N, C-alpha and C. Protein backbone atom coordinates (compact mmCIF):
# COMPACT_ATOMS: atom_id res chain seq x y z
N SER A 1 88.97 94.96 96.94
CA SER A 1 89.05 96.29 97.49
C SER A 1 87.73 96.99 97.29
N PHE A 2 87.55 98.16 97.92
CA PHE A 2 86.31 98.88 97.78
C PHE A 2 86.59 100.40 97.79
N LYS A 3 85.61 101.16 97.31
CA LYS A 3 85.77 102.59 97.15
C LYS A 3 85.36 103.31 98.44
N VAL A 4 86.20 104.23 98.87
CA VAL A 4 85.92 105.06 100.06
C VAL A 4 86.12 106.52 99.66
N GLU A 5 85.22 107.40 100.00
CA GLU A 5 85.33 108.79 99.65
C GLU A 5 86.38 109.49 100.49
N LYS A 6 86.98 110.54 99.96
CA LYS A 6 87.99 111.29 100.66
C LYS A 6 87.48 111.85 102.00
N GLN A 7 86.25 112.33 102.02
CA GLN A 7 85.69 112.88 103.23
C GLN A 7 85.52 111.79 104.28
N GLN A 8 85.24 110.58 103.87
CA GLN A 8 85.11 109.46 104.81
C GLN A 8 86.47 109.13 105.45
N ILE A 9 87.52 109.16 104.64
CA ILE A 9 88.85 108.87 105.16
C ILE A 9 89.27 110.00 106.12
N ALA A 10 89.01 111.24 105.75
CA ALA A 10 89.36 112.39 106.59
C ALA A 10 88.67 112.27 107.95
N ALA A 11 87.36 111.99 107.92
CA ALA A 11 86.58 111.89 109.16
C ALA A 11 87.08 110.69 110.01
N LEU A 12 87.34 109.57 109.35
CA LEU A 12 87.79 108.36 110.06
C LEU A 12 89.13 108.64 110.74
N CYS A 13 90.08 109.25 109.98
CA CYS A 13 91.38 109.54 110.54
C CYS A 13 91.26 110.49 111.75
N GLU A 14 90.42 111.48 111.63
CA GLU A 14 90.23 112.43 112.75
C GLU A 14 89.67 111.70 113.96
N TYR A 15 88.67 110.84 113.74
CA TYR A 15 88.03 110.10 114.83
C TYR A 15 89.03 109.14 115.48
N LEU A 16 89.79 108.42 114.67
CA LEU A 16 90.75 107.45 115.18
C LEU A 16 91.87 108.17 115.97
N ASP A 17 92.28 109.35 115.51
CA ASP A 17 93.26 110.16 116.21
C ASP A 17 92.76 110.55 117.59
N GLY A 18 91.48 110.89 117.68
CA GLY A 18 90.89 111.22 118.97
C GLY A 18 90.86 110.02 119.90
N ILE A 19 90.59 108.84 119.37
CA ILE A 19 90.60 107.64 120.18
C ILE A 19 92.01 107.34 120.69
N LEU A 20 93.01 107.43 119.79
CA LEU A 20 94.39 107.16 120.21
C LEU A 20 94.86 108.14 121.29
N THR A 21 94.37 109.37 121.21
CA THR A 21 94.73 110.38 122.24
C THR A 21 94.23 109.96 123.61
N ASP A 22 93.09 109.25 123.67
CA ASP A 22 92.48 108.86 124.94
C ASP A 22 93.08 107.54 125.49
N LEU A 23 93.83 106.83 124.66
CA LEU A 23 94.42 105.53 125.05
C LEU A 23 95.88 105.73 125.49
N PRO A 24 96.43 104.76 126.20
CA PRO A 24 97.86 104.84 126.58
C PRO A 24 98.75 105.06 125.30
N ALA A 25 99.85 105.75 125.56
CA ALA A 25 100.79 106.03 124.45
C ALA A 25 101.34 104.75 123.87
N ILE A 26 101.67 104.79 122.61
CA ILE A 26 102.28 103.65 121.91
C ILE A 26 103.76 103.67 122.24
N HIS A 27 104.28 102.52 122.66
CA HIS A 27 105.73 102.44 122.95
C HIS A 27 106.52 102.46 121.67
N PRO A 28 107.71 103.06 121.70
CA PRO A 28 108.50 103.18 120.48
C PRO A 28 108.72 101.83 119.74
N GLY A 29 108.82 100.73 120.44
CA GLY A 29 109.03 99.44 119.77
C GLY A 29 107.80 98.93 119.05
N GLN A 30 106.62 99.56 119.31
CA GLN A 30 105.37 99.12 118.69
C GLN A 30 105.04 99.83 117.38
N PHE A 31 105.75 100.93 117.07
CA PHE A 31 105.39 101.70 115.89
C PHE A 31 105.48 100.87 114.61
N VAL A 32 104.57 101.14 113.74
CA VAL A 32 104.56 100.53 112.41
C VAL A 32 104.89 101.63 111.42
N ALA A 33 105.87 101.43 110.59
CA ALA A 33 106.26 102.47 109.62
C ALA A 33 105.15 102.64 108.61
N PRO A 34 104.66 103.87 108.39
CA PRO A 34 103.64 104.10 107.37
C PRO A 34 104.22 103.78 105.99
N THR A 35 103.43 103.18 105.18
CA THR A 35 103.81 102.94 103.80
C THR A 35 102.84 103.71 102.87
N SER A 36 103.13 103.75 101.62
CA SER A 36 102.21 104.42 100.74
C SER A 36 101.04 103.47 100.48
N ALA A 37 99.90 104.05 100.10
CA ALA A 37 98.73 103.25 99.83
C ALA A 37 98.94 102.48 98.54
N ASN A 38 98.41 101.26 98.48
CA ASN A 38 98.46 100.49 97.27
C ASN A 38 97.49 101.03 96.25
N PRO A 39 97.82 100.87 94.97
CA PRO A 39 96.85 101.33 93.97
C PRO A 39 95.56 100.48 94.06
N PRO A 40 94.44 101.06 93.74
CA PRO A 40 93.17 100.30 93.86
C PRO A 40 93.15 99.10 92.92
N LEU A 41 92.59 98.04 93.40
CA LEU A 41 92.37 96.83 92.60
C LEU A 41 90.97 96.89 92.04
N ASP A 42 90.42 95.76 91.68
CA ASP A 42 89.04 95.70 91.20
C ASP A 42 88.11 96.10 92.33
N MET A 43 87.42 97.18 92.19
CA MET A 43 86.48 97.66 93.25
C MET A 43 85.28 96.74 93.32
N GLN A 44 85.07 96.17 94.47
CA GLN A 44 83.94 95.26 94.70
C GLN A 44 82.67 96.00 95.06
N TRP A 45 82.84 97.05 95.96
CA TRP A 45 81.68 97.81 96.37
C TRP A 45 82.12 99.15 96.95
N THR A 46 81.15 100.06 97.15
CA THR A 46 81.38 101.37 97.70
C THR A 46 81.00 101.38 99.16
N VAL A 47 81.87 101.96 100.00
CA VAL A 47 81.59 102.05 101.45
C VAL A 47 80.56 103.11 101.69
N GLY A 48 79.50 102.75 102.42
CA GLY A 48 78.48 103.71 102.84
C GLY A 48 78.68 104.15 104.27
N GLY A 49 78.78 103.19 105.17
CA GLY A 49 78.91 103.51 106.60
C GLY A 49 80.18 102.92 107.18
N LEU A 50 80.68 103.62 108.19
CA LEU A 50 81.87 103.18 108.93
C LEU A 50 81.54 103.18 110.42
N ALA A 51 82.03 102.17 111.11
CA ALA A 51 81.85 102.11 112.57
C ALA A 51 83.22 101.75 113.16
N VAL A 52 83.44 102.30 114.36
CA VAL A 52 84.69 102.05 115.06
C VAL A 52 84.41 101.60 116.47
N ALA A 53 85.15 100.62 116.96
CA ALA A 53 85.01 100.15 118.34
C ALA A 53 86.42 99.85 118.87
N TYR A 54 86.58 99.87 120.20
CA TYR A 54 87.82 99.50 120.83
C TYR A 54 87.62 98.29 121.67
N GLU A 55 88.40 97.24 121.43
CA GLU A 55 88.36 96.00 122.20
C GLU A 55 89.48 96.12 123.25
N GLU A 56 89.07 96.48 124.46
CA GLU A 56 90.04 96.71 125.53
C GLU A 56 90.83 95.46 125.91
N ASP A 57 90.18 94.31 125.93
CA ASP A 57 90.86 93.05 126.33
C ASP A 57 92.02 92.73 125.36
N ASP A 58 91.83 92.97 124.09
CA ASP A 58 92.87 92.64 123.09
C ASP A 58 93.68 93.87 122.68
N ASP A 59 93.32 95.07 123.19
CA ASP A 59 93.95 96.31 122.82
C ASP A 59 93.96 96.47 121.28
N ARG A 60 92.81 96.33 120.69
CA ARG A 60 92.63 96.44 119.26
C ARG A 60 91.49 97.40 118.94
N LEU A 61 91.68 98.17 117.87
CA LEU A 61 90.60 98.98 117.36
C LEU A 61 89.98 98.18 116.20
N VAL A 62 88.64 98.21 116.15
CA VAL A 62 87.93 97.51 115.09
C VAL A 62 87.24 98.53 114.22
N ILE A 63 87.47 98.43 112.92
CA ILE A 63 86.79 99.28 111.96
C ILE A 63 85.90 98.37 111.11
N VAL A 64 84.63 98.75 111.02
CA VAL A 64 83.69 97.99 110.20
C VAL A 64 83.20 98.90 109.10
N ALA A 65 83.38 98.46 107.88
CA ALA A 65 82.88 99.22 106.68
C ALA A 65 81.69 98.47 106.14
N GLU A 66 80.62 99.23 105.80
CA GLU A 66 79.41 98.60 105.28
C GLU A 66 79.14 99.18 103.89
N GLU A 67 78.69 98.30 103.02
CA GLU A 67 78.39 98.66 101.64
C GLU A 67 77.28 99.70 101.52
N LEU A 68 77.48 100.63 100.59
CA LEU A 68 76.45 101.62 100.28
C LEU A 68 75.43 100.94 99.37
N ALA A 69 74.19 101.07 99.65
CA ALA A 69 73.16 100.45 98.80
C ALA A 69 72.82 101.39 97.64
N ASP A 70 73.01 100.93 96.46
CA ASP A 70 72.64 101.65 95.22
C ASP A 70 71.41 100.90 94.70
N PHE A 71 70.23 101.33 95.08
CA PHE A 71 69.05 100.58 94.78
C PHE A 71 68.71 100.51 93.30
N ASP A 72 69.28 101.41 92.50
CA ASP A 72 69.08 101.34 91.08
C ASP A 72 69.80 100.19 90.41
N GLU A 73 70.88 99.72 91.05
CA GLU A 73 71.70 98.71 90.48
C GLU A 73 71.54 97.33 91.15
N LEU A 74 70.70 97.23 92.16
CA LEU A 74 70.55 95.99 92.89
C LEU A 74 69.77 94.95 92.06
N SER A 75 70.24 93.74 92.13
CA SER A 75 69.50 92.62 91.48
C SER A 75 68.61 91.96 92.51
N SER A 76 67.75 91.09 92.11
CA SER A 76 66.84 90.47 93.05
C SER A 76 67.61 89.56 94.02
N GLU A 77 68.80 89.06 93.64
CA GLU A 77 69.55 88.20 94.52
C GLU A 77 70.18 88.97 95.68
N ALA A 78 70.27 90.29 95.59
CA ALA A 78 70.92 91.09 96.65
C ALA A 78 70.01 91.34 97.84
N PHE A 79 68.74 90.94 97.72
CA PHE A 79 67.81 91.18 98.81
C PHE A 79 67.60 89.97 99.66
N ASP A 80 67.63 90.15 100.98
CA ASP A 80 67.29 89.11 101.94
C ASP A 80 65.79 89.19 102.10
N GLU A 81 65.12 88.05 102.05
CA GLU A 81 63.65 88.03 102.07
C GLU A 81 63.07 88.68 103.32
N ASP A 82 63.71 88.52 104.49
CA ASP A 82 63.16 89.04 105.74
C ASP A 82 63.54 90.49 106.00
N PHE A 83 64.73 90.88 105.59
CA PHE A 83 65.25 92.18 106.04
C PHE A 83 65.51 93.17 104.89
N GLY A 84 65.28 92.79 103.67
CA GLY A 84 65.57 93.68 102.56
C GLY A 84 67.01 93.55 102.12
N PHE A 85 67.65 94.64 101.82
CA PHE A 85 69.03 94.64 101.26
C PHE A 85 70.02 94.07 102.35
N ASP A 86 70.82 93.17 101.94
CA ASP A 86 71.85 92.60 102.81
C ASP A 86 73.20 93.10 102.38
N PRO A 87 73.67 94.21 102.98
CA PRO A 87 74.93 94.81 102.46
C PRO A 87 76.16 93.97 102.87
N ALA A 88 77.17 94.10 102.06
CA ALA A 88 78.47 93.50 102.36
C ALA A 88 79.14 94.29 103.48
N THR A 89 79.96 93.63 104.28
CA THR A 89 80.72 94.32 105.30
C THR A 89 82.13 93.84 105.29
N ALA A 90 83.02 94.70 105.73
CA ALA A 90 84.47 94.35 105.93
C ALA A 90 84.83 94.76 107.36
N ARG A 91 85.53 93.89 108.04
CA ARG A 91 85.91 94.15 109.44
C ARG A 91 87.44 94.09 109.58
N PHE A 92 88.02 95.11 110.17
CA PHE A 92 89.45 95.20 110.34
C PHE A 92 89.76 95.34 111.83
N ARG A 93 90.64 94.47 112.35
CA ARG A 93 91.12 94.56 113.76
C ARG A 93 92.56 95.02 113.69
N LEU A 94 92.82 96.22 114.23
CA LEU A 94 94.14 96.85 114.12
C LEU A 94 94.71 97.17 115.49
N SER A 95 96.04 97.02 115.60
CA SER A 95 96.68 97.47 116.82
C SER A 95 96.75 99.00 116.82
N ARG A 96 97.04 99.59 117.97
CA ARG A 96 97.14 101.04 118.03
C ARG A 96 98.26 101.55 117.09
N ALA A 97 99.34 100.80 116.98
CA ALA A 97 100.43 101.19 116.08
C ALA A 97 99.96 101.16 114.61
N GLN A 98 99.20 100.10 114.23
CA GLN A 98 98.69 100.05 112.89
C GLN A 98 97.70 101.20 112.61
N VAL A 99 96.91 101.57 113.61
CA VAL A 99 95.98 102.69 113.45
C VAL A 99 96.79 103.97 113.23
N ALA A 100 97.85 104.18 113.99
CA ALA A 100 98.63 105.39 113.85
C ALA A 100 99.23 105.45 112.42
N ALA A 101 99.69 104.32 111.89
CA ALA A 101 100.20 104.29 110.51
C ALA A 101 99.10 104.58 109.51
N PHE A 102 97.88 103.99 109.74
CA PHE A 102 96.74 104.24 108.87
C PHE A 102 96.41 105.73 108.84
N ILE A 103 96.41 106.37 110.00
CA ILE A 103 96.11 107.80 110.09
C ILE A 103 97.12 108.60 109.25
N ALA A 104 98.41 108.27 109.37
CA ALA A 104 99.44 108.97 108.60
C ALA A 104 99.23 108.85 107.11
N VAL A 105 98.97 107.62 106.63
CA VAL A 105 98.79 107.39 105.21
C VAL A 105 97.45 108.03 104.77
N GLY A 106 96.38 107.86 105.58
CA GLY A 106 95.09 108.45 105.19
C GLY A 106 95.15 109.96 105.09
N ASN A 107 95.80 110.61 106.06
CA ASN A 107 95.92 112.06 105.99
C ASN A 107 96.75 112.51 104.75
N ASP A 108 97.81 111.76 104.43
CA ASP A 108 98.59 112.09 103.24
C ASP A 108 97.73 111.99 101.96
N LEU A 109 96.90 110.92 101.89
CA LEU A 109 96.03 110.76 100.73
C LEU A 109 95.01 111.88 100.62
N VAL A 110 94.45 112.28 101.74
CA VAL A 110 93.43 113.37 101.71
C VAL A 110 94.10 114.68 101.28
N ARG A 111 95.30 114.97 101.80
CA ARG A 111 95.99 116.20 101.40
C ARG A 111 96.38 116.21 99.94
N ALA A 112 96.63 115.03 99.37
CA ALA A 112 97.04 114.90 97.98
C ALA A 112 95.90 115.00 97.02
N GLY A 113 94.69 114.87 97.48
CA GLY A 113 93.53 114.89 96.61
C GLY A 113 93.14 116.31 96.18
N ARG A 114 92.13 116.37 95.31
CA ARG A 114 91.69 117.67 94.84
C ARG A 114 91.04 118.42 96.00
N PRO A 115 91.19 119.73 96.02
CA PRO A 115 90.58 120.53 97.09
C PRO A 115 89.04 120.49 96.97
N ALA A 116 88.38 120.63 98.10
CA ALA A 116 86.90 120.65 98.11
C ALA A 116 86.40 122.05 97.93
N CYS A 117 85.30 122.18 97.24
CA CYS A 117 84.64 123.48 97.05
C CYS A 117 84.11 123.95 98.44
N ARG A 118 84.35 125.23 98.77
CA ARG A 118 83.93 125.75 100.06
C ARG A 118 82.38 125.85 100.18
N LEU A 119 81.68 125.86 99.05
CA LEU A 119 80.24 125.98 99.10
C LEU A 119 79.49 124.63 99.13
N CYS A 120 79.92 123.70 98.29
CA CYS A 120 79.21 122.44 98.21
C CYS A 120 79.97 121.23 98.72
N GLY A 121 81.29 121.34 98.87
CA GLY A 121 82.07 120.23 99.36
C GLY A 121 82.53 119.26 98.28
N ARG A 122 82.08 119.43 97.04
CA ARG A 122 82.53 118.55 95.98
C ARG A 122 83.97 118.86 95.55
N PRO A 123 84.67 117.89 94.99
CA PRO A 123 86.05 118.15 94.56
C PRO A 123 86.08 119.13 93.39
N MET A 124 87.10 120.01 93.40
CA MET A 124 87.25 121.00 92.36
C MET A 124 88.37 120.59 91.43
N ASP A 125 88.21 120.78 90.13
CA ASP A 125 89.26 120.62 89.15
C ASP A 125 90.13 121.84 89.19
N PRO A 126 91.32 121.80 88.58
CA PRO A 126 92.19 122.96 88.58
C PRO A 126 91.50 124.23 88.06
N GLY A 127 90.62 124.09 87.12
CA GLY A 127 89.92 125.24 86.56
C GLY A 127 88.60 125.54 87.27
N GLY A 128 88.33 124.97 88.43
CA GLY A 128 87.08 125.15 89.12
C GLY A 128 86.10 124.05 88.81
N HIS A 129 84.84 124.28 89.10
CA HIS A 129 83.80 123.29 88.78
C HIS A 129 82.41 123.96 88.75
N PRO A 130 81.46 123.34 88.09
CA PRO A 130 80.11 123.94 88.08
C PRO A 130 79.39 123.64 89.42
N CYS A 131 79.55 124.57 90.36
CA CYS A 131 79.00 124.36 91.72
C CYS A 131 77.48 124.47 91.70
N PRO A 132 76.79 123.45 92.18
CA PRO A 132 75.31 123.48 92.16
C PRO A 132 74.74 124.56 93.06
N ARG A 133 75.51 125.02 94.05
CA ARG A 133 74.99 126.05 94.95
C ARG A 133 75.02 127.41 94.30
N LEU A 134 75.77 127.60 93.19
CA LEU A 134 75.80 128.86 92.48
C LEU A 134 74.80 128.89 91.33
N ASN A 135 74.07 127.84 91.12
CA ASN A 135 73.14 127.73 90.04
C ASN A 135 71.85 128.49 90.35
């Protein structure tokens, strides 16, 4: 598994919802019941970039997650000689029904998280937080 920020999930769900709006409706027999998210396992890497594509021939949405480069922690083995850092990627091919279920679970997770500070966007604890914009 890998780490994804709450803002990334919120933006991805919003974008995927927009794509589903532009595609033909999902037939009732195609729906996938949303389940709760699984607890995180051993985190392999942190997601930096996300890309989305639609494969019209297969009627699948493709989500590609790319590893965030933390250059302070990179070892010499993590570098490709010709291109520099060679990030890990994960590719997911989902039906429209699976995407709809992902959106439902993702939005639930975002709503359940800590609220974001209106000034800096960082998560706030119940007692507030030391906002860098107020410093």
